[in-house]
mmCIF file of all heavy atoms, coordinates in Angstrom:
data_MODEL
# 
_entry.id   MODEL 
# 
loop_
_atom_site.group_PDB 
_atom_site.id 
_atom_site.type_symbol 
_atom_site.label_atom_id 
_atom_site.label_alt_id 
_atom_site.label_comp_id 
_atom_site.label_asym_id 
_atom_site.label_entity_id 
_atom_site.label_seq_id 
_atom_site.pdbx_PDB_ins_code 
_atom_site.Cartn_x 
_atom_site.Cartn_y 
_atom_site.Cartn_z 
_atom_site.occupancy 
_atom_site.B_iso_or_equiv 
_atom_site.pdbx_formal_charge 
_atom_site.auth_seq_id 
_atom_site.auth_comp_id 
_atom_site.auth_asym_id 
_atom_site.auth_atom_id 
_atom_site.pdbx_PDB_model_num 
ATOM 1   N N   . ASN A 1 1  ? 9.761  24.863  60.616 1.00 0.00 ? 1  ASN A N   1 
ATOM 2   C CA  . ASN A 1 1  ? 9.037  25.628  59.629 1.00 0.00 ? 1  ASN A CA  1 
ATOM 3   C C   . ASN A 1 1  ? 7.663  25.057  59.311 1.00 0.00 ? 1  ASN A C   1 
ATOM 4   O O   . ASN A 1 1  ? 7.341  25.136  58.027 1.00 0.00 ? 1  ASN A O   1 
ATOM 5   C CB  . ASN A 1 1  ? 9.820  26.011  58.452 1.00 0.00 ? 1  ASN A CB  1 
ATOM 6   C CG  . ASN A 1 1  ? 11.122 26.825  58.740 1.00 0.00 ? 1  ASN A CG  1 
ATOM 7   O OD1 . ASN A 1 1  ? 11.166 27.584  59.657 1.00 0.00 ? 1  ASN A OD1 1 
ATOM 8   N ND2 . ASN A 1 1  ? 12.138 26.462  58.070 1.00 0.00 ? 1  ASN A ND2 1 
ATOM 9   N N   . GLY A 1 2  ? 7.042  24.446  60.135 1.00 0.00 ? 2  GLY A N   1 
ATOM 10  C CA  . GLY A 1 2  ? 5.742  23.900  59.983 1.00 0.00 ? 2  GLY A CA  1 
ATOM 11  C C   . GLY A 1 2  ? 5.717  22.549  59.266 1.00 0.00 ? 2  GLY A C   1 
ATOM 12  O O   . GLY A 1 2  ? 4.720  22.023  58.736 1.00 0.00 ? 2  GLY A O   1 
ATOM 13  N N   . GLN A 1 3  ? 6.937  21.983  58.986 1.00 0.00 ? 3  GLN A N   1 
ATOM 14  C CA  . GLN A 1 3  ? 7.081  20.665  58.351 1.00 0.00 ? 3  GLN A CA  1 
ATOM 15  C C   . GLN A 1 3  ? 7.466  19.629  59.320 1.00 0.00 ? 3  GLN A C   1 
ATOM 16  O O   . GLN A 1 3  ? 8.068  19.815  60.269 1.00 0.00 ? 3  GLN A O   1 
ATOM 17  C CB  . GLN A 1 3  ? 8.024  20.689  57.132 1.00 0.00 ? 3  GLN A CB  1 
ATOM 18  C CG  . GLN A 1 3  ? 7.671  21.707  56.030 1.00 0.00 ? 3  GLN A CG  1 
ATOM 19  C CD  . GLN A 1 3  ? 8.706  21.726  54.991 1.00 0.00 ? 3  GLN A CD  1 
ATOM 20  O OE1 . GLN A 1 3  ? 9.743  22.431  55.101 1.00 0.00 ? 3  GLN A OE1 1 
ATOM 21  N NE2 . GLN A 1 3  ? 8.448  20.867  53.851 1.00 0.00 ? 3  GLN A NE2 1 
ATOM 22  N N   . GLY A 1 4  ? 7.045  18.411  59.005 1.00 0.00 ? 4  GLY A N   1 
ATOM 23  C CA  . GLY A 1 4  ? 7.320  17.242  59.812 1.00 0.00 ? 4  GLY A CA  1 
ATOM 24  C C   . GLY A 1 4  ? 8.542  16.305  59.295 1.00 0.00 ? 4  GLY A C   1 
ATOM 25  O O   . GLY A 1 4  ? 8.507  16.191  58.071 1.00 0.00 ? 4  GLY A O   1 
ATOM 26  N N   . PHE A 1 5  ? 9.273  15.747  60.084 1.00 0.00 ? 5  PHE A N   1 
ATOM 27  C CA  . PHE A 1 5  ? 10.448 14.929  59.733 1.00 0.00 ? 5  PHE A CA  1 
ATOM 28  C C   . PHE A 1 5  ? 10.484 13.750  60.682 1.00 0.00 ? 5  PHE A C   1 
ATOM 29  O O   . PHE A 1 5  ? 10.067 13.794  61.934 1.00 0.00 ? 5  PHE A O   1 
ATOM 30  C CB  . PHE A 1 5  ? 11.690 15.655  59.741 1.00 0.00 ? 5  PHE A CB  1 
ATOM 31  C CG  . PHE A 1 5  ? 11.774 17.025  59.014 1.00 0.00 ? 5  PHE A CG  1 
ATOM 32  C CD1 . PHE A 1 5  ? 11.402 18.142  59.545 1.00 0.00 ? 5  PHE A CD1 1 
ATOM 33  C CD2 . PHE A 1 5  ? 12.078 16.912  57.605 1.00 0.00 ? 5  PHE A CD2 1 
ATOM 34  C CE1 . PHE A 1 5  ? 11.419 19.332  58.846 1.00 0.00 ? 5  PHE A CE1 1 
ATOM 35  C CE2 . PHE A 1 5  ? 12.160 18.068  56.919 1.00 0.00 ? 5  PHE A CE2 1 
ATOM 36  C CZ  . PHE A 1 5  ? 11.854 19.309  57.463 1.00 0.00 ? 5  PHE A CZ  1 
ATOM 37  N N   . VAL A 1 6  ? 10.969 12.584  60.067 1.00 0.00 ? 6  VAL A N   1 
ATOM 38  C CA  . VAL A 1 6  ? 11.216 11.317  60.912 1.00 0.00 ? 6  VAL A CA  1 
ATOM 39  C C   . VAL A 1 6  ? 12.773 11.214  61.091 1.00 0.00 ? 6  VAL A C   1 
ATOM 40  O O   . VAL A 1 6  ? 13.529 11.165  59.974 1.00 0.00 ? 6  VAL A O   1 
ATOM 41  C CB  . VAL A 1 6  ? 10.701 10.060  60.128 1.00 0.00 ? 6  VAL A CB  1 
ATOM 42  C CG1 . VAL A 1 6  ? 10.865 8.844   61.005 1.00 0.00 ? 6  VAL A CG1 1 
ATOM 43  C CG2 . VAL A 1 6  ? 9.125  10.357  59.967 1.00 0.00 ? 6  VAL A CG2 1 
ATOM 44  N N   . VAL A 1 7  ? 13.249 11.339  62.279 1.00 0.00 ? 7  VAL A N   1 
ATOM 45  C CA  . VAL A 1 7  ? 14.458 11.318  62.581 1.00 0.00 ? 7  VAL A CA  1 
ATOM 46  C C   . VAL A 1 7  ? 15.161 10.031  62.661 1.00 0.00 ? 7  VAL A C   1 
ATOM 47  O O   . VAL A 1 7  ? 16.299 9.705   62.148 1.00 0.00 ? 7  VAL A O   1 
ATOM 48  C CB  . VAL A 1 7  ? 14.861 12.170  63.963 1.00 0.00 ? 7  VAL A CB  1 
ATOM 49  C CG1 . VAL A 1 7  ? 16.317 12.252  64.170 1.00 0.00 ? 7  VAL A CG1 1 
ATOM 50  C CG2 . VAL A 1 7  ? 14.266 13.575  63.814 1.00 0.00 ? 7  VAL A CG2 1 
ATOM 51  N N   . ASP A 1 8  ? 14.444 9.128   63.289 1.00 0.00 ? 8  ASP A N   1 
ATOM 52  C CA  . ASP A 1 8  ? 15.108 7.672   63.686 1.00 0.00 ? 8  ASP A CA  1 
ATOM 53  C C   . ASP A 1 8  ? 14.290 6.597   62.864 1.00 0.00 ? 8  ASP A C   1 
ATOM 54  O O   . ASP A 1 8  ? 13.184 6.432   63.156 1.00 0.00 ? 8  ASP A O   1 
ATOM 55  C CB  . ASP A 1 8  ? 15.053 7.529   65.061 1.00 0.00 ? 8  ASP A CB  1 
ATOM 56  C CG  . ASP A 1 8  ? 15.820 6.229   65.461 1.00 0.00 ? 8  ASP A CG  1 
ATOM 57  O OD1 . ASP A 1 8  ? 16.372 5.558   64.674 1.00 0.00 ? 8  ASP A OD1 1 
ATOM 58  O OD2 . ASP A 1 8  ? 16.023 6.005   66.800 1.00 0.00 ? 8  ASP A OD2 1 
ATOM 59  N N   . ILE A 1 9  ? 15.043 5.913   61.981 1.00 0.00 ? 9  ILE A N   1 
ATOM 60  C CA  . ILE A 1 9  ? 14.291 4.835   61.210 1.00 0.00 ? 9  ILE A CA  1 
ATOM 61  C C   . ILE A 1 9  ? 15.130 3.466   61.553 1.00 0.00 ? 9  ILE A C   1 
ATOM 62  O O   . ILE A 1 9  ? 14.847 2.599   60.794 1.00 0.00 ? 9  ILE A O   1 
ATOM 63  C CB  . ILE A 1 9  ? 14.468 5.110   59.662 1.00 0.00 ? 9  ILE A CB  1 
ATOM 64  C CG1 . ILE A 1 9  ? 15.772 5.487   59.307 1.00 0.00 ? 9  ILE A CG1 1 
ATOM 65  C CG2 . ILE A 1 9  ? 13.445 6.351   59.361 1.00 0.00 ? 9  ILE A CG2 1 
ATOM 66  C CD1 . ILE A 1 9  ? 16.623 4.459   58.879 1.00 0.00 ? 9  ILE A CD1 1 
ATOM 67  N N   . SER A 1 10 ? 15.791 3.430   62.593 1.00 0.00 ? 10 SER A N   1 
ATOM 68  C CA  . SER A 1 10 ? 16.659 2.384   62.848 1.00 0.00 ? 10 SER A CA  1 
ATOM 69  C C   . SER A 1 10 ? 15.811 1.036   63.093 1.00 0.00 ? 10 SER A C   1 
ATOM 70  O O   . SER A 1 10 ? 16.447 -0.074  62.897 1.00 0.00 ? 10 SER A O   1 
ATOM 71  C CB  . SER A 1 10 ? 17.534 2.622   64.131 1.00 0.00 ? 10 SER A CB  1 
ATOM 72  O OG  . SER A 1 10 ? 16.681 2.820   65.220 1.00 0.00 ? 10 SER A OG  1 
ATOM 73  N N   . ASP A 1 11 ? 14.605 1.154   63.437 1.00 0.00 ? 11 ASP A N   1 
ATOM 74  C CA  . ASP A 1 11 ? 13.857 -0.141  63.775 1.00 0.00 ? 11 ASP A CA  1 
ATOM 75  C C   . ASP A 1 11 ? 12.738 -0.448  62.650 1.00 0.00 ? 11 ASP A C   1 
ATOM 76  O O   . ASP A 1 11 ? 12.049 -1.240  62.795 1.00 0.00 ? 11 ASP A O   1 
ATOM 77  C CB  . ASP A 1 11 ? 13.034 0.048   65.067 1.00 0.00 ? 11 ASP A CB  1 
ATOM 78  C CG  . ASP A 1 11 ? 14.011 0.002   66.320 1.00 0.00 ? 11 ASP A CG  1 
ATOM 79  O OD1 . ASP A 1 11 ? 15.094 -0.637  66.229 1.00 0.00 ? 11 ASP A OD1 1 
ATOM 80  O OD2 . ASP A 1 11 ? 13.736 0.717   67.210 1.00 0.00 ? 11 ASP A OD2 1 
ATOM 81  N N   . PHE A 1 12 ? 12.947 0.191   61.513 1.00 0.00 ? 12 PHE A N   1 
ATOM 82  C CA  . PHE A 1 12 ? 11.910 0.044   60.426 1.00 0.00 ? 12 PHE A CA  1 
ATOM 83  C C   . PHE A 1 12 ? 12.068 -1.374  59.762 1.00 0.00 ? 12 PHE A C   1 
ATOM 84  O O   . PHE A 1 12 ? 11.239 -1.670  58.972 1.00 0.00 ? 12 PHE A O   1 
ATOM 85  C CB  . PHE A 1 12 ? 12.230 1.133   59.329 1.00 0.00 ? 12 PHE A CB  1 
ATOM 86  C CG  . PHE A 1 12 ? 11.497 2.362   59.657 1.00 0.00 ? 12 PHE A CG  1 
ATOM 87  C CD1 . PHE A 1 12 ? 11.264 2.752   61.022 1.00 0.00 ? 12 PHE A CD1 1 
ATOM 88  C CD2 . PHE A 1 12 ? 11.072 3.369   58.665 1.00 0.00 ? 12 PHE A CD2 1 
ATOM 89  C CE1 . PHE A 1 12 ? 10.710 3.921   61.314 1.00 0.00 ? 12 PHE A CE1 1 
ATOM 90  C CE2 . PHE A 1 12 ? 10.413 4.434   59.045 1.00 0.00 ? 12 PHE A CE2 1 
ATOM 91  C CZ  . PHE A 1 12 ? 10.172 4.754   60.297 1.00 0.00 ? 12 PHE A CZ  1 
ATOM 92  N N   . TYR A 1 13 ? 13.180 -2.128  60.070 1.00 0.00 ? 13 TYR A N   1 
ATOM 93  C CA  . TYR A 1 13 ? 13.309 -3.422  59.525 1.00 0.00 ? 13 TYR A CA  1 
ATOM 94  C C   . TYR A 1 13 ? 12.615 -4.412  60.272 1.00 0.00 ? 13 TYR A C   1 
ATOM 95  O O   . TYR A 1 13 ? 12.308 -5.677  59.889 1.00 0.00 ? 13 TYR A O   1 
ATOM 96  C CB  . TYR A 1 13 ? 14.734 -3.855  59.413 1.00 0.00 ? 13 TYR A CB  1 
ATOM 97  C CG  . TYR A 1 13 ? 15.424 -3.986  60.873 1.00 0.00 ? 13 TYR A CG  1 
ATOM 98  C CD1 . TYR A 1 13 ? 15.345 -5.315  61.440 1.00 0.00 ? 13 TYR A CD1 1 
ATOM 99  C CD2 . TYR A 1 13 ? 15.992 -2.955  61.542 1.00 0.00 ? 13 TYR A CD2 1 
ATOM 100 C CE1 . TYR A 1 13 ? 15.965 -5.444  62.636 1.00 0.00 ? 13 TYR A CE1 1 
ATOM 101 C CE2 . TYR A 1 13 ? 16.440 -3.030  62.902 1.00 0.00 ? 13 TYR A CE2 1 
ATOM 102 C CZ  . TYR A 1 13 ? 16.563 -4.387  63.382 1.00 0.00 ? 13 TYR A CZ  1 
ATOM 103 O OH  . TYR A 1 13 ? 16.987 -4.653  64.626 1.00 0.00 ? 13 TYR A OH  1 
ATOM 104 N N   . LYS A 1 14 ? 12.126 -4.129  61.570 1.00 0.00 ? 14 LYS A N   1 
ATOM 105 C CA  . LYS A 1 14 ? 11.385 -5.052  62.496 1.00 0.00 ? 14 LYS A CA  1 
ATOM 106 C C   . LYS A 1 14 ? 10.058 -5.598  61.901 1.00 0.00 ? 14 LYS A C   1 
ATOM 107 O O   . LYS A 1 14 ? 9.546  -4.784  61.159 1.00 0.00 ? 14 LYS A O   1 
ATOM 108 C CB  . LYS A 1 14 ? 11.462 -4.558  63.819 1.00 0.00 ? 14 LYS A CB  1 
ATOM 109 C CG  . LYS A 1 14 ? 12.811 -4.382  64.493 1.00 0.00 ? 14 LYS A CG  1 
ATOM 110 C CD  . LYS A 1 14 ? 12.649 -3.840  66.007 1.00 0.00 ? 14 LYS A CD  1 
ATOM 111 C CE  . LYS A 1 14 ? 13.952 -3.761  66.609 1.00 0.00 ? 14 LYS A CE  1 
ATOM 112 N NZ  . LYS A 1 14 ? 13.864 -3.177  67.947 1.00 0.00 ? 14 LYS A NZ  1 
ATOM 113 N N   . GLU A 1 15 ? 9.637  -6.697  62.431 1.00 0.00 ? 15 GLU A N   1 
ATOM 114 C CA  . GLU A 1 15 ? 8.383  -7.250  62.034 1.00 0.00 ? 15 GLU A CA  1 
ATOM 115 C C   . GLU A 1 15 ? 7.336  -6.834  63.213 1.00 0.00 ? 15 GLU A C   1 
ATOM 116 O O   . GLU A 1 15 ? 7.769  -6.615  64.290 1.00 0.00 ? 15 GLU A O   1 
ATOM 117 C CB  . GLU A 1 15 ? 8.412  -8.633  61.801 1.00 0.00 ? 15 GLU A CB  1 
ATOM 118 C CG  . GLU A 1 15 ? 9.357  -9.099  60.592 1.00 0.00 ? 15 GLU A CG  1 
ATOM 119 C CD  . GLU A 1 15 ? 9.437  -10.544 60.406 1.00 0.00 ? 15 GLU A CD  1 
ATOM 120 O OE1 . GLU A 1 15 ? 8.745  -11.235 61.129 1.00 0.00 ? 15 GLU A OE1 1 
ATOM 121 O OE2 . GLU A 1 15 ? 9.878  -11.015 59.295 1.00 0.00 ? 15 GLU A OE2 1 
ATOM 122 N N   . GLY A 1 16 ? 6.000  -7.010  62.799 1.00 0.00 ? 16 GLY A N   1 
ATOM 123 C CA  . GLY A 1 16 ? 5.074  -6.780  63.797 1.00 0.00 ? 16 GLY A CA  1 
ATOM 124 C C   . GLY A 1 16 ? 4.441  -5.423  63.827 1.00 0.00 ? 16 GLY A C   1 
ATOM 125 O O   . GLY A 1 16 ? 4.866  -4.511  63.000 1.00 0.00 ? 16 GLY A O   1 
ATOM 126 N N   . TYR A 1 17 ? 3.431  -5.106  64.381 1.00 0.00 ? 17 TYR A N   1 
ATOM 127 C CA  . TYR A 1 17 ? 2.675  -3.845  64.446 1.00 0.00 ? 17 TYR A CA  1 
ATOM 128 C C   . TYR A 1 17 ? 3.030  -3.113  65.684 1.00 0.00 ? 17 TYR A C   1 
ATOM 129 O O   . TYR A 1 17 ? 2.926  -3.620  66.865 1.00 0.00 ? 17 TYR A O   1 
ATOM 130 C CB  . TYR A 1 17 ? 1.204  -4.101  64.344 1.00 0.00 ? 17 TYR A CB  1 
ATOM 131 C CG  . TYR A 1 17 ? 0.358  -2.878  64.568 1.00 0.00 ? 17 TYR A CG  1 
ATOM 132 C CD1 . TYR A 1 17 ? 0.420  -1.839  63.600 1.00 0.00 ? 17 TYR A CD1 1 
ATOM 133 C CD2 . TYR A 1 17 ? -0.507 -2.640  65.649 1.00 0.00 ? 17 TYR A CD2 1 
ATOM 134 C CE1 . TYR A 1 17 ? -0.263 -0.612  63.789 1.00 0.00 ? 17 TYR A CE1 1 
ATOM 135 C CE2 . TYR A 1 17 ? -1.230 -1.458  65.929 1.00 0.00 ? 17 TYR A CE2 1 
ATOM 136 C CZ  . TYR A 1 17 ? -1.139 -0.513  64.922 1.00 0.00 ? 17 TYR A CZ  1 
ATOM 137 O OH  . TYR A 1 17 ? -1.849 0.750   65.088 1.00 0.00 ? 17 TYR A OH  1 
ATOM 138 N N   . ASP A 1 18 ? 3.404  -1.812  65.475 1.00 0.00 ? 18 ASP A N   1 
ATOM 139 C CA  . ASP A 1 18 ? 3.795  -0.984  66.550 1.00 0.00 ? 18 ASP A CA  1 
ATOM 140 C C   . ASP A 1 18 ? 2.794  0.200   66.578 1.00 0.00 ? 18 ASP A C   1 
ATOM 141 O O   . ASP A 1 18 ? 2.870  1.002   65.528 1.00 0.00 ? 18 ASP A O   1 
ATOM 142 C CB  . ASP A 1 18 ? 5.179  -0.539  66.463 1.00 0.00 ? 18 ASP A CB  1 
ATOM 143 C CG  . ASP A 1 18 ? 5.639  0.363   67.651 1.00 0.00 ? 18 ASP A CG  1 
ATOM 144 O OD1 . ASP A 1 18 ? 4.803  0.670   68.514 1.00 0.00 ? 18 ASP A OD1 1 
ATOM 145 O OD2 . ASP A 1 18 ? 6.952  0.416   67.981 1.00 0.00 ? 18 ASP A OD2 1 
ATOM 146 N N   . PRO A 1 19 ? 1.963  0.374   67.533 1.00 0.00 ? 19 PRO A N   1 
ATOM 147 C CA  . PRO A 1 19 ? 0.871  1.410   67.529 1.00 0.00 ? 19 PRO A CA  1 
ATOM 148 C C   . PRO A 1 19 ? 1.346  2.728   68.005 1.00 0.00 ? 19 PRO A C   1 
ATOM 149 O O   . PRO A 1 19 ? 0.585  3.684   68.127 1.00 0.00 ? 19 PRO A O   1 
ATOM 150 C CB  . PRO A 1 19 ? -0.094 0.843   68.300 1.00 0.00 ? 19 PRO A CB  1 
ATOM 151 C CG  . PRO A 1 19 ? 0.612  0.164   69.434 1.00 0.00 ? 19 PRO A CG  1 
ATOM 152 C CD  . PRO A 1 19 ? 1.778  -0.407  68.810 1.00 0.00 ? 19 PRO A CD  1 
ATOM 153 N N   . LYS A 1 20 ? 2.584  2.976   68.275 1.00 0.00 ? 20 LYS A N   1 
ATOM 154 C CA  . LYS A 1 20 ? 3.056  4.218   69.088 1.00 0.00 ? 20 LYS A CA  1 
ATOM 155 C C   . LYS A 1 20 ? 2.656  5.529   68.232 1.00 0.00 ? 20 LYS A C   1 
ATOM 156 O O   . LYS A 1 20 ? 2.160  6.400   68.713 1.00 0.00 ? 20 LYS A O   1 
ATOM 157 C CB  . LYS A 1 20 ? 4.520  4.155   69.196 1.00 0.00 ? 20 LYS A CB  1 
ATOM 158 C CG  . LYS A 1 20 ? 5.078  3.227   70.345 1.00 0.00 ? 20 LYS A CG  1 
ATOM 159 C CD  . LYS A 1 20 ? 6.621  3.620   70.538 1.00 0.00 ? 20 LYS A CD  1 
ATOM 160 C CE  . LYS A 1 20 ? 7.179  2.514   71.522 1.00 0.00 ? 20 LYS A CE  1 
ATOM 161 N NZ  . LYS A 1 20 ? 7.369  1.162   70.633 1.00 0.00 ? 20 LYS A NZ  1 
ATOM 162 N N   . TRP A 1 21 ? 2.906  5.549   66.896 1.00 0.00 ? 21 TRP A N   1 
ATOM 163 C CA  . TRP A 1 21 ? 2.612  6.632   66.248 1.00 0.00 ? 21 TRP A CA  1 
ATOM 164 C C   . TRP A 1 21 ? 1.110  6.978   66.182 1.00 0.00 ? 21 TRP A C   1 
ATOM 165 O O   . TRP A 1 21 ? 0.612  8.091   66.214 1.00 0.00 ? 21 TRP A O   1 
ATOM 166 C CB  . TRP A 1 21 ? 3.151  6.694   64.694 1.00 0.00 ? 21 TRP A CB  1 
ATOM 167 C CG  . TRP A 1 21 ? 2.746  7.758   64.016 1.00 0.00 ? 21 TRP A CG  1 
ATOM 168 C CD1 . TRP A 1 21 ? 1.845  7.864   62.908 1.00 0.00 ? 21 TRP A CD1 1 
ATOM 169 C CD2 . TRP A 1 21 ? 3.039  9.230   64.152 1.00 0.00 ? 21 TRP A CD2 1 
ATOM 170 N NE1 . TRP A 1 21 ? 1.603  9.180   62.551 1.00 0.00 ? 21 TRP A NE1 1 
ATOM 171 C CE2 . TRP A 1 21 ? 2.241  10.078  63.313 1.00 0.00 ? 21 TRP A CE2 1 
ATOM 172 C CE3 . TRP A 1 21 ? 3.822  9.862   65.132 1.00 0.00 ? 21 TRP A CE3 1 
ATOM 173 C CZ2 . TRP A 1 21 ? 2.546  11.406  63.194 1.00 0.00 ? 21 TRP A CZ2 1 
ATOM 174 C CZ3 . TRP A 1 21 ? 4.074  11.293  65.160 1.00 0.00 ? 21 TRP A CZ3 1 
ATOM 175 C CH2 . TRP A 1 21 ? 3.405  12.018  64.139 1.00 0.00 ? 21 TRP A CH2 1 
ATOM 176 N N   . GLU A 1 22 ? 0.361  5.868   65.920 1.00 0.00 ? 22 GLU A N   1 
ATOM 177 C CA  . GLU A 1 22 ? -1.188 6.017   65.830 1.00 0.00 ? 22 GLU A CA  1 
ATOM 178 C C   . GLU A 1 22 ? -1.664 6.479   67.170 1.00 0.00 ? 22 GLU A C   1 
ATOM 179 O O   . GLU A 1 22 ? -2.585 7.323   67.215 1.00 0.00 ? 22 GLU A O   1 
ATOM 180 C CB  . GLU A 1 22 ? -1.723 4.645   65.455 1.00 0.00 ? 22 GLU A CB  1 
ATOM 181 C CG  . GLU A 1 22 ? -1.724 4.445   64.032 1.00 0.00 ? 22 GLU A CG  1 
ATOM 182 C CD  . GLU A 1 22 ? -2.329 5.411   63.092 1.00 0.00 ? 22 GLU A CD  1 
ATOM 183 O OE1 . GLU A 1 22 ? -3.527 5.804   63.419 1.00 0.00 ? 22 GLU A OE1 1 
ATOM 184 O OE2 . GLU A 1 22 ? -1.702 5.885   62.213 1.00 0.00 ? 22 GLU A OE2 1 
ATOM 185 N N   . HIS A 1 23 ? -1.161 5.856   68.177 1.00 0.00 ? 23 HIS A N   1 
ATOM 186 C CA  . HIS A 1 23 ? -1.483 6.429   69.640 1.00 0.00 ? 23 HIS A CA  1 
ATOM 187 C C   . HIS A 1 23 ? -1.183 7.846   69.749 1.00 0.00 ? 23 HIS A C   1 
ATOM 188 O O   . HIS A 1 23 ? -1.991 8.793   70.291 1.00 0.00 ? 23 HIS A O   1 
ATOM 189 C CB  . HIS A 1 23 ? -0.955 5.675   70.688 1.00 0.00 ? 23 HIS A CB  1 
ATOM 190 C CG  . HIS A 1 23 ? -1.393 4.262   70.758 1.00 0.00 ? 23 HIS A CG  1 
ATOM 191 N ND1 . HIS A 1 23 ? -0.811 3.311   71.432 1.00 0.00 ? 23 HIS A ND1 1 
ATOM 192 C CD2 . HIS A 1 23 ? -2.569 3.640   70.318 1.00 0.00 ? 23 HIS A CD2 1 
ATOM 193 C CE1 . HIS A 1 23 ? -1.513 2.168   71.416 1.00 0.00 ? 23 HIS A CE1 1 
ATOM 194 N NE2 . HIS A 1 23 ? -2.624 2.408   70.581 1.00 0.00 ? 23 HIS A NE2 1 
ATOM 195 N N   . LEU A 1 24 ? -0.025 8.371   69.281 1.00 0.00 ? 24 LEU A N   1 
ATOM 196 C CA  . LEU A 1 24 ? 0.416  9.808   69.370 1.00 0.00 ? 24 LEU A CA  1 
ATOM 197 C C   . LEU A 1 24 ? -0.484 10.660  68.592 1.00 0.00 ? 24 LEU A C   1 
ATOM 198 O O   . LEU A 1 24 ? -0.837 11.735  68.928 1.00 0.00 ? 24 LEU A O   1 
ATOM 199 C CB  . LEU A 1 24 ? 1.940  9.954   68.991 1.00 0.00 ? 24 LEU A CB  1 
ATOM 200 C CG  . LEU A 1 24 ? 2.594  11.289  69.372 1.00 0.00 ? 24 LEU A CG  1 
ATOM 201 C CD1 . LEU A 1 24 ? 4.011  11.069  69.623 1.00 0.00 ? 24 LEU A CD1 1 
ATOM 202 C CD2 . LEU A 1 24 ? 2.508  12.204  68.178 1.00 0.00 ? 24 LEU A CD2 1 
# 
């Protein structure tokens, strides 16, 4: 319905920078 959700947060405890979302 035009809204966005984050389904998987299992790696949110990890350290470092992950650019996947910025690239997407």
